Amino acid sequence: MIDLGPLRLSLMVATAATGLIVAVGLPVALLLARARFPFKELLAGVLVLPLVLPPTVLGYLLLLLLGRRGTLGGWLEQSIGVVLVFHRSGAVLASAVAAFPLFLLPARGAFEAVDPALEDVARLLGRGELSVLRSVTLPLAWRGLASGTILAFARALGDFGATMMVAGNIPGETQTAALAIYDAVQAGEPLRAAVLAACISTISIAALAAVQLASPRRRTSP
């Protein structure tokens, strides 16, 4: 009997990480798409850096930040007693950071594609900024936002390097499916590795199909 506990944990971690990504990424994407301020593109470059950094380098940098001697990790432990390293919350945060660019890039593009004239019409009709966002901007940008959300979920589901560096590989606690596959290969358990790999691959293929459905329709040549 193959233990699917790591797969369930991966789904939980990816779901929580995706929620965190959307909560932070939506206002950030809107800010980058609409606001003008110095060093905006430098900030955008820093935010998408996890996309090109080696996962172990990203994990190491997070470990420096979130560890007990790190700037944020030390403050969290001393202030409210929260320890992120080698804990599921650390896995969620590491997965969220690694997957964040995959939401930010399409979300920013989706907001930039919304015609500002339509928002101006809503303002002329007396709508406030929040109402314009809710009734005009978000409905017109939903395909890009949905694509980014699905891509971020798929990336968080399969994260390996950053999660292992920050949360460790503790069976039953922080061992996600990607880490369990690595362990199964090292332990000479090909069936266990194959089952988990097949589950992750199936979910990823379904996610990519959903992205295609959510993407804006391409015009076909007459």
N, C-alpha and C. Protein backbone atom coordinates (compact mmCIF):
# COMPACT_ATOMS: atom_id res chain seq x y z
N MET A 1 0.85 -1.20 0.00
CA MET A 1 0.00 0.00 0.00
C MET A 1 0.89 1.25 0.00
N ILE A 2 0.71 2.06 -1.03
CA ILE A 2 1.52 3.26 -1.14
C ILE A 2 0.98 4.36 -0.21
N ASP A 3 1.84 4.94 0.57
CA ASP A 3 1.44 6.03 1.47
C ASP A 3 1.27 7.32 0.66
N LEU A 4 0.04 7.80 0.60
CA LEU A 4 -0.24 9.03 -0.15
C LEU A 4 -0.26 10.26 0.76
N GLY A 5 0.21 10.08 1.99
CA GLY A 5 0.27 11.21 2.92
C GLY A 5 1.07 12.39 2.37
N PRO A 6 2.25 12.13 1.76
CA PRO A 6 3.01 13.26 1.20
C PRO A 6 2.24 14.01 0.10
N LEU A 7 1.43 13.26 -0.68
CA LEU A 7 0.64 13.93 -1.72
C LEU A 7 -0.42 14.83 -1.10
N ARG A 8 -1.09 14.31 -0.06
CA ARG A 8 -2.09 15.15 0.63
C ARG A 8 -1.44 16.40 1.22
N LEU A 9 -0.24 16.21 1.81
CA LEU A 9 0.45 17.37 2.38
C LEU A 9 0.83 18.37 1.28
N SER A 10 1.26 17.85 0.13
CA SER A 10 1.60 18.74 -0.99
C SER A 10 0.39 19.57 -1.41
N LEU A 11 -0.78 18.92 -1.50
CA LEU A 11 -1.99 19.64 -1.89
C LEU A 11 -2.34 20.71 -0.86
N MET A 12 -2.20 20.38 0.42
CA MET A 12 -2.48 21.36 1.47
C MET A 12 -1.51 22.53 1.40
N VAL A 13 -0.22 22.22 1.26
CA VAL A 13 0.80 23.28 1.20
C VAL A 13 0.59 24.16 -0.04
N ALA A 14 0.32 23.52 -1.19
CA ALA A 14 0.14 24.28 -2.43
C ALA A 14 -1.11 25.16 -2.35
N THR A 15 -2.17 24.65 -1.73
CA THR A 15 -3.40 25.45 -1.60
C THR A 15 -3.17 26.67 -0.70
N ALA A 16 -2.52 26.44 0.43
CA ALA A 16 -2.24 27.56 1.34
C ALA A 16 -1.28 28.56 0.69
N ALA A 17 -0.27 28.04 -0.01
CA ALA A 17 0.70 28.93 -0.67
C ALA A 17 0.02 29.76 -1.76
N THR A 18 -0.89 29.13 -2.50
CA THR A 18 -1.60 29.85 -3.57
C THR A 18 -2.48 30.96 -2.98
N GLY A 19 -3.16 30.66 -1.86
CA GLY A 19 -3.95 31.70 -1.21
C GLY A 19 -3.08 32.88 -0.78
N LEU A 20 -1.91 32.58 -0.24
CA LEU A 20 -0.99 33.65 0.17
C LEU A 20 -0.50 34.44 -1.04
N ILE A 21 -0.20 33.73 -2.12
CA ILE A 21 0.30 34.39 -3.34
C ILE A 21 -0.75 35.35 -3.89
N VAL A 22 -2.00 34.89 -3.98
CA VAL A 22 -3.06 35.74 -4.55
C VAL A 22 -3.31 36.96 -3.64
N ALA A 23 -3.31 36.72 -2.32
CA ALA A 23 -3.56 37.84 -1.39
C ALA A 23 -2.49 38.92 -1.51
N VAL A 24 -1.25 38.51 -1.67
CA VAL A 24 -0.15 39.49 -1.79
C VAL A 24 0.01 39.95 -3.24
N GLY A 25 -0.14 39.01 -4.17
CA GLY A 25 0.16 39.30 -5.57
C GLY A 25 -0.82 40.22 -6.26
N LEU A 26 -2.11 40.15 -5.89
CA LEU A 26 -3.10 41.00 -6.56
C LEU A 26 -2.78 42.49 -6.42
N PRO A 27 -2.62 43.01 -5.21
CA PRO A 27 -2.30 44.44 -5.10
C PRO A 27 -0.94 44.79 -5.69
N VAL A 28 0.02 43.86 -5.58
CA VAL A 28 1.35 44.14 -6.14
C VAL A 28 1.28 44.22 -7.67
N ALA A 29 0.56 43.29 -8.29
CA ALA A 29 0.41 43.30 -9.74
C ALA A 29 -0.31 44.55 -10.21
N LEU A 30 -1.34 44.95 -9.47
CA LEU A 30 -2.08 46.17 -9.83
C LEU A 30 -1.18 47.39 -9.70
N LEU A 31 -0.37 47.41 -8.65
CA LEU A 31 0.56 48.53 -8.44
C LEU A 31 1.56 48.62 -9.60
N LEU A 32 2.14 47.48 -9.97
CA LEU A 32 3.13 47.49 -11.05
C LEU A 32 2.50 47.83 -12.39
N ALA A 33 1.24 47.47 -12.58
CA ALA A 33 0.57 47.72 -13.86
C ALA A 33 0.13 49.17 -14.01
N ARG A 34 -0.23 49.82 -12.91
CA ARG A 34 -0.87 51.14 -13.02
C ARG A 34 -0.04 52.29 -12.45
N ALA A 35 0.72 52.05 -11.42
CA ALA A 35 1.41 53.15 -10.75
C ALA A 35 2.73 53.49 -11.45
N ARG A 36 3.13 54.72 -11.28
CA ARG A 36 4.42 55.15 -11.77
C ARG A 36 5.24 55.64 -10.58
N PHE A 37 6.38 55.03 -10.37
CA PHE A 37 7.25 55.44 -9.27
C PHE A 37 8.69 55.04 -9.61
N PRO A 38 9.66 55.67 -8.98
CA PRO A 38 11.06 55.37 -9.30
C PRO A 38 11.39 53.91 -9.01
N PHE A 39 12.25 53.37 -9.85
CA PHE A 39 12.78 52.01 -9.67
C PHE A 39 11.68 50.93 -9.72
N LYS A 40 10.59 51.24 -10.43
CA LYS A 40 9.50 50.25 -10.51
C LYS A 40 9.97 48.96 -11.16
N GLU A 41 10.70 49.09 -12.27
CA GLU A 41 11.13 47.86 -12.96
C GLU A 41 12.20 47.12 -12.16
N LEU A 42 12.96 47.84 -11.35
CA LEU A 42 13.93 47.16 -10.48
C LEU A 42 13.19 46.33 -9.44
N LEU A 43 12.12 46.90 -8.87
CA LEU A 43 11.29 46.15 -7.92
C LEU A 43 10.67 44.93 -8.60
N ALA A 44 10.17 45.12 -9.83
CA ALA A 44 9.57 44.00 -10.56
C ALA A 44 10.60 42.90 -10.80
N GLY A 45 11.83 43.31 -11.09
CA GLY A 45 12.89 42.32 -11.31
C GLY A 45 13.20 41.53 -10.06
N VAL A 46 13.22 42.20 -8.91
CA VAL A 46 13.48 41.50 -7.65
C VAL A 46 12.36 40.50 -7.34
N LEU A 47 11.12 40.90 -7.63
CA LEU A 47 9.97 40.05 -7.32
C LEU A 47 9.91 38.79 -8.19
N VAL A 48 10.44 38.88 -9.41
CA VAL A 48 10.43 37.69 -10.28
C VAL A 48 11.75 36.92 -10.21
N LEU A 49 12.66 37.37 -9.36
CA LEU A 49 13.96 36.71 -9.23
C LEU A 49 13.86 35.22 -8.89
N PRO A 50 12.89 34.79 -8.04
CA PRO A 50 12.78 33.34 -7.75
C PRO A 50 12.59 32.48 -8.98
N LEU A 51 12.14 33.11 -10.09
CA LEU A 51 11.91 32.34 -11.31
C LEU A 51 13.22 31.87 -11.94
N VAL A 52 14.30 32.62 -11.73
CA VAL A 52 15.56 32.29 -12.39
C VAL A 52 16.64 31.82 -11.40
N LEU A 53 16.44 32.04 -10.11
CA LEU A 53 17.42 31.58 -9.15
C LEU A 53 17.37 30.06 -9.02
N PRO A 54 18.51 29.39 -8.85
CA PRO A 54 18.47 27.96 -8.53
C PRO A 54 17.67 27.74 -7.25
N PRO A 55 16.81 26.72 -7.22
CA PRO A 55 15.96 26.51 -6.03
C PRO A 55 16.74 26.41 -4.72
N THR A 56 17.93 25.80 -4.76
CA THR A 56 18.70 25.69 -3.53
C THR A 56 19.23 27.04 -3.07
N VAL A 57 19.56 27.91 -4.04
CA VAL A 57 20.00 29.26 -3.68
C VAL A 57 18.84 30.03 -3.06
N LEU A 58 17.66 29.92 -3.68
CA LEU A 58 16.48 30.58 -3.12
C LEU A 58 16.20 30.06 -1.71
N GLY A 59 16.28 28.74 -1.53
CA GLY A 59 16.05 28.17 -0.21
C GLY A 59 17.07 28.63 0.81
N TYR A 60 18.31 28.73 0.38
CA TYR A 60 19.36 29.18 1.30
C TYR A 60 19.12 30.63 1.74
N LEU A 61 18.74 31.48 0.77
CA LEU A 61 18.47 32.88 1.11
C LEU A 61 17.28 32.98 2.07
N LEU A 62 16.25 32.16 1.83
CA LEU A 62 15.09 32.15 2.74
C LEU A 62 15.50 31.65 4.12
N LEU A 63 16.38 30.66 4.13
CA LEU A 63 16.85 30.13 5.42
C LEU A 63 17.59 31.20 6.21
N LEU A 64 18.40 32.00 5.51
CA LEU A 64 19.10 33.09 6.18
C LEU A 64 18.12 34.11 6.75
N LEU A 65 17.02 34.35 6.01
CA LEU A 65 16.04 35.34 6.45
C LEU A 65 15.13 34.81 7.55
N LEU A 66 14.70 33.55 7.40
CA LEU A 66 13.67 33.00 8.28
C LEU A 66 14.21 32.17 9.44
N GLY A 67 15.51 31.84 9.41
CA GLY A 67 16.09 31.04 10.48
C GLY A 67 16.07 31.76 11.82
N ARG A 68 16.34 31.02 12.87
CA ARG A 68 16.26 31.61 14.21
C ARG A 68 17.23 32.77 14.39
N ARG A 69 18.32 32.76 13.61
CA ARG A 69 19.26 33.87 13.67
C ARG A 69 19.04 34.86 12.55
N GLY A 70 18.02 34.62 11.73
CA GLY A 70 17.72 35.52 10.63
C GLY A 70 16.97 36.76 11.09
N THR A 71 16.96 37.75 10.22
CA THR A 71 16.32 39.02 10.59
C THR A 71 14.84 38.83 10.89
N LEU A 72 14.11 38.20 9.99
CA LEU A 72 12.67 38.02 10.19
C LEU A 72 12.38 36.84 11.13
N GLY A 73 13.10 35.73 10.93
CA GLY A 73 12.85 34.56 11.77
C GLY A 73 13.13 34.81 13.24
N GLY A 74 14.23 35.49 13.53
CA GLY A 74 14.56 35.81 14.92
C GLY A 74 13.52 36.73 15.55
N TRP A 75 13.05 37.71 14.76
CA TRP A 75 12.05 38.64 15.29
C TRP A 75 10.73 37.93 15.56
N LEU A 76 10.31 37.05 14.63
CA LEU A 76 9.05 36.32 14.82
C LEU A 76 9.10 35.42 16.05
N GLU A 77 10.23 34.75 16.26
CA GLU A 77 10.32 33.85 17.41
C GLU A 77 10.33 34.62 18.73
N GLN A 78 11.07 35.71 18.77
CA GLN A 78 11.16 36.49 20.01
C GLN A 78 9.88 37.27 20.30
N SER A 79 9.18 37.71 19.23
CA SER A 79 8.00 38.56 19.42
C SER A 79 6.75 37.75 19.69
N ILE A 80 6.48 36.74 18.86
CA ILE A 80 5.23 35.99 18.98
C ILE A 80 5.43 34.49 19.08
N GLY A 81 6.67 34.06 19.19
CA GLY A 81 6.95 32.63 19.38
C GLY A 81 6.71 31.76 18.16
N VAL A 82 6.73 32.36 16.97
CA VAL A 82 6.51 31.61 15.74
C VAL A 82 7.84 31.18 15.15
N VAL A 83 7.96 29.87 14.89
CA VAL A 83 9.16 29.32 14.25
C VAL A 83 8.75 28.74 12.91
N LEU A 84 9.32 29.25 11.83
CA LEU A 84 8.94 28.81 10.48
C LEU A 84 9.82 27.69 9.96
N VAL A 85 11.07 27.67 10.37
CA VAL A 85 12.01 26.69 9.83
C VAL A 85 11.69 25.30 10.35
N PHE A 86 11.74 24.29 9.44
CA PHE A 86 11.43 22.90 9.75
C PHE A 86 10.00 22.76 10.29
N HIS A 87 9.10 23.51 9.71
CA HIS A 87 7.69 23.49 10.08
C HIS A 87 6.86 23.62 8.80
N ARG A 88 5.60 23.14 8.84
CA ARG A 88 4.75 23.23 7.64
C ARG A 88 4.55 24.66 7.17
N SER A 89 4.49 25.58 8.11
CA SER A 89 4.34 26.98 7.71
C SER A 89 5.54 27.44 6.90
N GLY A 90 6.72 26.90 7.21
CA GLY A 90 7.90 27.22 6.41
C GLY A 90 7.79 26.66 5.01
N ALA A 91 7.20 25.46 4.89
CA ALA A 91 6.99 24.87 3.57
C ALA A 91 6.03 25.72 2.74
N VAL A 92 4.98 26.22 3.39
CA VAL A 92 4.02 27.08 2.69
C VAL A 92 4.70 28.36 2.20
N LEU A 93 5.49 28.97 3.07
CA LEU A 93 6.15 30.23 2.70
C LEU A 93 7.17 30.01 1.60
N ALA A 94 7.97 28.94 1.71
CA ALA A 94 8.98 28.66 0.69
C ALA A 94 8.32 28.39 -0.66
N SER A 95 7.25 27.61 -0.67
CA SER A 95 6.54 27.32 -1.92
C SER A 95 5.92 28.60 -2.50
N ALA A 96 5.40 29.44 -1.62
CA ALA A 96 4.78 30.69 -2.09
C ALA A 96 5.81 31.61 -2.74
N VAL A 97 6.97 31.72 -2.13
CA VAL A 97 8.01 32.59 -2.70
C VAL A 97 8.47 32.04 -4.05
N ALA A 98 8.66 30.73 -4.12
CA ALA A 98 9.13 30.12 -5.38
C ALA A 98 8.11 30.28 -6.50
N ALA A 99 6.83 30.23 -6.16
CA ALA A 99 5.78 30.27 -7.19
C ALA A 99 5.25 31.68 -7.46
N PHE A 100 5.62 32.65 -6.65
CA PHE A 100 5.06 34.00 -6.76
C PHE A 100 5.20 34.61 -8.16
N PRO A 101 6.36 34.50 -8.82
CA PRO A 101 6.47 35.13 -10.16
C PRO A 101 5.49 34.56 -11.17
N LEU A 102 5.11 33.30 -11.03
CA LEU A 102 4.20 32.70 -12.00
C LEU A 102 2.78 33.25 -11.88
N PHE A 103 2.48 33.87 -10.76
CA PHE A 103 1.20 34.60 -10.65
C PHE A 103 1.40 36.06 -11.05
N LEU A 104 2.50 36.65 -10.59
CA LEU A 104 2.70 38.09 -10.78
C LEU A 104 2.77 38.47 -12.26
N LEU A 105 3.50 37.72 -13.05
CA LEU A 105 3.71 38.09 -14.45
C LEU A 105 2.41 38.10 -15.26
N PRO A 106 1.62 37.01 -15.25
CA PRO A 106 0.36 37.07 -16.00
C PRO A 106 -0.66 38.04 -15.39
N ALA A 107 -0.63 38.19 -14.05
CA ALA A 107 -1.58 39.12 -13.42
C ALA A 107 -1.27 40.56 -13.83
N ARG A 108 0.00 40.91 -13.84
CA ARG A 108 0.39 42.27 -14.27
C ARG A 108 0.00 42.48 -15.73
N GLY A 109 0.28 41.48 -16.56
CA GLY A 109 -0.08 41.58 -17.96
C GLY A 109 -1.59 41.73 -18.16
N ALA A 110 -2.36 41.02 -17.36
CA ALA A 110 -3.81 41.09 -17.48
C ALA A 110 -4.33 42.48 -17.10
N PHE A 111 -3.77 43.05 -16.05
CA PHE A 111 -4.20 44.40 -15.64
C PHE A 111 -3.79 45.43 -16.69
N GLU A 112 -2.59 45.26 -17.26
CA GLU A 112 -2.13 46.22 -18.27
C GLU A 112 -2.96 46.14 -19.54
N ALA A 113 -3.58 44.98 -19.79
CA ALA A 113 -4.38 44.81 -21.01
C ALA A 113 -5.77 45.40 -20.89
N VAL A 114 -6.19 45.73 -19.68
CA VAL A 114 -7.53 46.32 -19.51
C VAL A 114 -7.53 47.74 -20.05
N ASP A 115 -8.49 48.06 -20.90
CA ASP A 115 -8.57 49.39 -21.51
C ASP A 115 -8.91 50.44 -20.44
N PRO A 116 -8.01 51.39 -20.19
CA PRO A 116 -8.29 52.42 -19.16
C PRO A 116 -9.53 53.24 -19.47
N ALA A 117 -9.90 53.33 -20.75
CA ALA A 117 -11.08 54.13 -21.10
C ALA A 117 -12.34 53.54 -20.47
N LEU A 118 -12.41 52.22 -20.39
CA LEU A 118 -13.58 51.59 -19.78
C LEU A 118 -13.67 51.92 -18.29
N GLU A 119 -12.51 51.97 -17.64
CA GLU A 119 -12.52 52.34 -16.22
C GLU A 119 -12.89 53.81 -16.05
N ASP A 120 -12.44 54.66 -17.00
CA ASP A 120 -12.78 56.08 -16.93
C ASP A 120 -14.29 56.29 -17.10
N VAL A 121 -14.90 55.49 -17.96
CA VAL A 121 -16.36 55.60 -18.14
C VAL A 121 -17.07 55.29 -16.83
N ALA A 122 -16.61 54.24 -16.15
CA ALA A 122 -17.23 53.89 -14.87
C ALA A 122 -17.05 55.01 -13.84
N ARG A 123 -15.89 55.65 -13.86
CA ARG A 123 -15.67 56.77 -12.93
C ARG A 123 -16.59 57.94 -13.26
N LEU A 124 -16.76 58.20 -14.56
CA LEU A 124 -17.65 59.30 -14.97
C LEU A 124 -19.08 59.03 -14.55
N LEU A 125 -19.42 57.76 -14.42
CA LEU A 125 -20.78 57.40 -13.98
C LEU A 125 -20.92 57.43 -12.47
N GLY A 126 -19.85 57.87 -11.80
CA GLY A 126 -19.94 58.05 -10.35
C GLY A 126 -19.43 56.89 -9.52
N ARG A 127 -18.81 55.91 -10.15
CA ARG A 127 -18.28 54.78 -9.40
C ARG A 127 -17.00 55.18 -8.67
N GLY A 128 -16.82 54.68 -7.46
CA GLY A 128 -15.58 54.88 -6.73
C GLY A 128 -14.51 53.93 -7.23
N GLU A 129 -13.28 54.12 -6.77
CA GLU A 129 -12.16 53.31 -7.25
C GLU A 129 -12.35 51.83 -6.93
N LEU A 130 -12.85 51.53 -5.73
CA LEU A 130 -13.06 50.13 -5.36
C LEU A 130 -14.13 49.49 -6.22
N SER A 131 -15.18 50.26 -6.51
CA SER A 131 -16.26 49.76 -7.35
C SER A 131 -15.77 49.53 -8.79
N VAL A 132 -14.92 50.45 -9.28
CA VAL A 132 -14.36 50.28 -10.63
C VAL A 132 -13.51 49.02 -10.69
N LEU A 133 -12.73 48.82 -9.63
CA LEU A 133 -11.87 47.62 -9.60
C LEU A 133 -12.72 46.35 -9.61
N ARG A 134 -13.77 46.35 -8.79
CA ARG A 134 -14.59 45.14 -8.63
C ARG A 134 -15.47 44.88 -9.84
N SER A 135 -16.01 45.95 -10.44
CA SER A 135 -17.01 45.74 -11.50
C SER A 135 -16.43 45.84 -12.92
N VAL A 136 -15.25 46.42 -13.07
CA VAL A 136 -14.69 46.59 -14.42
C VAL A 136 -13.33 45.90 -14.55
N THR A 137 -12.38 46.27 -13.69
CA THR A 137 -11.00 45.80 -13.88
C THR A 137 -10.88 44.28 -13.67
N LEU A 138 -11.35 43.80 -12.53
CA LEU A 138 -11.21 42.38 -12.23
C LEU A 138 -11.95 41.48 -13.22
N PRO A 139 -13.21 41.82 -13.60
CA PRO A 139 -13.89 40.97 -14.59
C PRO A 139 -13.17 40.92 -15.93
N LEU A 140 -12.57 42.04 -16.36
CA LEU A 140 -11.86 42.05 -17.64
C LEU A 140 -10.51 41.34 -17.56
N ALA A 141 -9.94 41.26 -16.37
CA ALA A 141 -8.60 40.66 -16.22
C ALA A 141 -8.66 39.23 -15.70
N TRP A 142 -9.86 38.65 -15.58
CA TRP A 142 -9.98 37.40 -14.84
C TRP A 142 -9.23 36.24 -15.50
N ARG A 143 -9.17 36.23 -16.83
CA ARG A 143 -8.48 35.12 -17.49
C ARG A 143 -7.00 35.10 -17.12
N GLY A 144 -6.36 36.24 -17.14
CA GLY A 144 -4.95 36.29 -16.76
C GLY A 144 -4.74 35.97 -15.30
N LEU A 145 -5.64 36.44 -14.45
CA LEU A 145 -5.55 36.15 -13.02
C LEU A 145 -5.74 34.66 -12.75
N ALA A 146 -6.70 34.06 -13.47
CA ALA A 146 -6.95 32.62 -13.29
C ALA A 146 -5.75 31.81 -13.77
N SER A 147 -5.17 32.19 -14.91
CA SER A 147 -4.00 31.48 -15.42
C SER A 147 -2.85 31.56 -14.43
N GLY A 148 -2.62 32.75 -13.89
CA GLY A 148 -1.54 32.92 -12.93
C GLY A 148 -1.76 32.12 -11.66
N THR A 149 -3.01 32.07 -11.21
CA THR A 149 -3.32 31.31 -9.99
C THR A 149 -3.06 29.82 -10.19
N ILE A 150 -3.48 29.30 -11.34
CA ILE A 150 -3.29 27.87 -11.61
C ILE A 150 -1.81 27.54 -11.76
N LEU A 151 -1.08 28.39 -12.49
CA LEU A 151 0.36 28.15 -12.66
C LEU A 151 1.09 28.20 -11.31
N ALA A 152 0.72 29.14 -10.47
CA ALA A 152 1.36 29.24 -9.15
C ALA A 152 1.06 28.01 -8.31
N PHE A 153 -0.19 27.52 -8.38
CA PHE A 153 -0.55 26.31 -7.64
C PHE A 153 0.29 25.11 -8.11
N ALA A 154 0.41 24.97 -9.42
CA ALA A 154 1.17 23.84 -9.96
C ALA A 154 2.64 23.93 -9.55
N ARG A 155 3.18 25.13 -9.57
CA ARG A 155 4.60 25.30 -9.19
C ARG A 155 4.79 25.02 -7.69
N ALA A 156 3.87 25.51 -6.88
CA ALA A 156 3.97 25.27 -5.43
C ALA A 156 3.80 23.80 -5.11
N LEU A 157 2.98 23.11 -5.89
CA LEU A 157 2.73 21.69 -5.65
C LEU A 157 4.01 20.86 -5.82
N GLY A 158 4.85 21.26 -6.76
CA GLY A 158 6.02 20.44 -7.05
C GLY A 158 7.33 21.01 -6.56
N ASP A 159 7.27 22.05 -5.72
CA ASP A 159 8.54 22.66 -5.28
C ASP A 159 9.37 21.66 -4.48
N PHE A 160 10.67 21.68 -4.72
CA PHE A 160 11.57 20.75 -4.04
C PHE A 160 12.67 21.49 -3.27
N GLY A 161 13.49 22.23 -4.01
CA GLY A 161 14.70 22.81 -3.40
C GLY A 161 14.43 23.77 -2.26
N ALA A 162 13.60 24.78 -2.52
CA ALA A 162 13.35 25.79 -1.49
C ALA A 162 12.65 25.17 -0.29
N THR A 163 11.68 24.26 -0.56
CA THR A 163 10.94 23.63 0.54
C THR A 163 11.88 22.79 1.41
N MET A 164 12.77 22.02 0.79
CA MET A 164 13.67 21.18 1.57
C MET A 164 14.62 22.01 2.41
N MET A 165 15.10 23.12 1.85
CA MET A 165 16.06 23.96 2.59
C MET A 165 15.40 24.62 3.79
N VAL A 166 14.15 25.03 3.64
CA VAL A 166 13.49 25.79 4.70
C VAL A 166 12.73 24.87 5.67
N ALA A 167 11.98 23.91 5.11
CA ALA A 167 11.11 23.08 5.96
C ALA A 167 11.70 21.72 6.29
N GLY A 168 12.76 21.34 5.60
CA GLY A 168 13.35 20.03 5.84
C GLY A 168 12.56 18.93 5.17
N ASN A 169 12.94 17.69 5.46
CA ASN A 169 12.31 16.52 4.85
C ASN A 169 11.91 15.56 5.96
N ILE A 170 10.94 15.97 6.77
CA ILE A 170 10.52 15.21 7.95
C ILE A 170 9.26 14.41 7.60
N PRO A 171 9.35 13.07 7.53
CA PRO A 171 8.17 12.25 7.18
C PRO A 171 7.00 12.52 8.11
N GLY A 172 5.84 12.71 7.51
CA GLY A 172 4.63 12.94 8.30
C GLY A 172 4.47 14.37 8.78
N GLU A 173 5.47 15.19 8.56
CA GLU A 173 5.40 16.57 9.05
C GLU A 173 5.62 17.57 7.91
N THR A 174 6.79 17.49 7.27
CA THR A 174 7.09 18.44 6.20
C THR A 174 7.48 17.74 4.90
N GLN A 175 7.35 16.43 4.84
CA GLN A 175 7.75 15.70 3.64
C GLN A 175 6.62 15.76 2.59
N THR A 176 6.82 16.60 1.59
CA THR A 176 5.84 16.71 0.51
C THR A 176 6.09 15.61 -0.52
N ALA A 177 5.25 15.56 -1.55
CA ALA A 177 5.37 14.50 -2.56
C ALA A 177 6.71 14.55 -3.28
N ALA A 178 7.15 15.77 -3.62
CA ALA A 178 8.44 15.89 -4.33
C ALA A 178 9.58 15.34 -3.47
N LEU A 179 9.55 15.62 -2.19
CA LEU A 179 10.59 15.12 -1.29
C LEU A 179 10.45 13.61 -1.10
N ALA A 180 9.22 13.12 -1.04
CA ALA A 180 8.99 11.68 -0.87
C ALA A 180 9.48 10.90 -2.08
N ILE A 181 9.32 11.48 -3.29
CA ILE A 181 9.83 10.83 -4.50
C ILE A 181 11.35 10.71 -4.42
N TYR A 182 12.00 11.75 -3.99
CA TYR A 182 13.46 11.73 -3.84
C TYR A 182 13.88 10.65 -2.84
N ASP A 183 13.17 10.59 -1.72
CA ASP A 183 13.48 9.58 -0.70
C ASP A 183 13.26 8.16 -1.23
N ALA A 184 12.15 7.99 -1.99
CA ALA A 184 11.83 6.66 -2.52
C ALA A 184 12.91 6.18 -3.49
N VAL A 185 13.40 7.10 -4.32
CA VAL A 185 14.46 6.73 -5.26
C VAL A 185 15.73 6.36 -4.50
N GLN A 186 16.06 7.16 -3.50
CA GLN A 186 17.26 6.88 -2.71
C GLN A 186 17.15 5.55 -1.96
N ALA A 187 15.91 5.20 -1.55
CA ALA A 187 15.70 3.97 -0.78
C ALA A 187 15.47 2.75 -1.67
N GLY A 188 15.51 2.93 -2.99
CA GLY A 188 15.28 1.81 -3.90
C GLY A 188 13.83 1.33 -3.89
N GLU A 189 12.88 2.27 -3.83
CA GLU A 189 11.44 1.95 -3.88
C GLU A 189 10.83 2.55 -5.15
N PRO A 190 11.10 1.93 -6.31
CA PRO A 190 10.65 2.54 -7.58
C PRO A 190 9.13 2.63 -7.71
N LEU A 191 8.39 1.66 -7.14
CA LEU A 191 6.93 1.70 -7.27
C LEU A 191 6.36 2.92 -6.55
N ARG A 192 6.86 3.15 -5.33
CA ARG A 192 6.39 4.31 -4.56
C ARG A 192 6.72 5.61 -5.30
N ALA A 193 7.93 5.70 -5.82
CA ALA A 193 8.32 6.90 -6.56
C ALA A 193 7.46 7.08 -7.81
N ALA A 194 7.17 5.96 -8.51
CA ALA A 194 6.39 6.05 -9.75
C ALA A 194 4.96 6.49 -9.47
N VAL A 195 4.35 5.95 -8.41
CA VAL A 195 2.96 6.31 -8.10
C VAL A 195 2.86 7.80 -7.76
N LEU A 196 3.76 8.27 -6.90
CA LEU A 196 3.72 9.69 -6.52
C LEU A 196 4.01 10.59 -7.72
N ALA A 197 4.99 10.17 -8.55
CA ALA A 197 5.32 10.96 -9.74
C ALA A 197 4.14 11.01 -10.70
N ALA A 198 3.44 9.88 -10.84
CA ALA A 198 2.27 9.85 -11.73
C ALA A 198 1.17 10.77 -11.22
N CYS A 199 0.97 10.78 -9.90
CA CYS A 199 -0.06 11.66 -9.32
C CYS A 199 0.28 13.13 -9.57
N ILE A 200 1.53 13.50 -9.29
CA ILE A 200 1.95 14.89 -9.50
C ILE A 200 1.85 15.27 -10.97
N SER A 201 2.28 14.36 -11.86
CA SER A 201 2.24 14.65 -13.29
C SER A 201 0.80 14.83 -13.77
N THR A 202 -0.11 13.98 -13.29
CA THR A 202 -1.52 14.09 -13.70
C THR A 202 -2.11 15.43 -13.27
N ILE A 203 -1.84 15.81 -12.03
CA ILE A 203 -2.36 17.10 -11.55
C ILE A 203 -1.76 18.25 -12.34
N SER A 204 -0.47 18.17 -12.67
CA SER A 204 0.19 19.24 -13.42
C SER A 204 -0.38 19.35 -14.83
N ILE A 205 -0.62 18.20 -15.48
CA ILE A 205 -1.20 18.22 -16.82
C ILE A 205 -2.60 18.83 -16.79
N ALA A 206 -3.38 18.46 -15.77
CA ALA A 206 -4.72 19.04 -15.63
C ALA A 206 -4.64 20.55 -15.41
N ALA A 207 -3.64 20.98 -14.64
CA ALA A 207 -3.47 22.42 -14.39
C ALA A 207 -3.11 23.15 -15.68
N LEU A 208 -2.23 22.57 -16.50
CA LEU A 208 -1.85 23.21 -17.76
C LEU A 208 -3.04 23.27 -18.72
N ALA A 209 -3.86 22.23 -18.72
CA ALA A 209 -5.06 22.24 -19.56
C ALA A 209 -6.01 23.36 -19.11
N ALA A 210 -6.11 23.52 -17.78
CA ALA A 210 -6.98 24.58 -17.26
C ALA A 210 -6.44 25.96 -17.64
N VAL A 211 -5.10 26.10 -17.66
CA VAL A 211 -4.50 27.38 -18.06
C VAL A 211 -4.85 27.68 -19.51
N GLN A 212 -4.81 26.66 -20.37
CA GLN A 212 -5.15 26.86 -21.78
C GLN A 212 -6.61 27.30 -21.93
N LEU A 213 -7.49 26.72 -21.13
CA LEU A 213 -8.89 27.10 -21.20
C LEU A 213 -9.12 28.52 -20.69
N ALA A 214 -8.32 28.93 -19.70
CA ALA A 214 -8.51 30.25 -19.12
C ALA A 214 -7.83 31.34 -19.93
N SER A 215 -6.87 30.96 -20.79
CA SER A 215 -6.13 31.96 -21.57
C SER A 215 -7.05 32.63 -22.58
N PRO A 216 -6.75 33.91 -22.92
CA PRO A 216 -7.56 34.59 -23.94
C PRO A 216 -7.53 33.83 -25.25
N ARG A 217 -8.70 33.76 -25.87
CA ARG A 217 -8.80 33.05 -27.14
C ARG A 217 -7.97 33.73 -28.23
N ARG A 218 -7.24 32.91 -28.99
CA ARG A 218 -6.46 33.45 -30.10
C ARG A 218 -7.34 33.58 -31.33
N ARG A 219 -7.10 34.64 -32.08
CA ARG A 219 -7.86 34.83 -33.31
C ARG A 219 -7.30 33.92 -34.39
N THR A 220 -8.21 33.28 -35.09
CA THR A 220 -7.78 32.41 -36.18
C THR A 220 -7.83 33.16 -37.49
N SER A 221 -6.93 32.81 -38.38
CA SER A 221 -6.87 33.48 -39.68
C SER A 221 -8.08 33.10 -40.50
N PRO A 222 -8.61 34.07 -41.28
CA PRO A 222 -9.78 33.75 -42.10
C PRO A 222 -9.40 32.74 -43.19
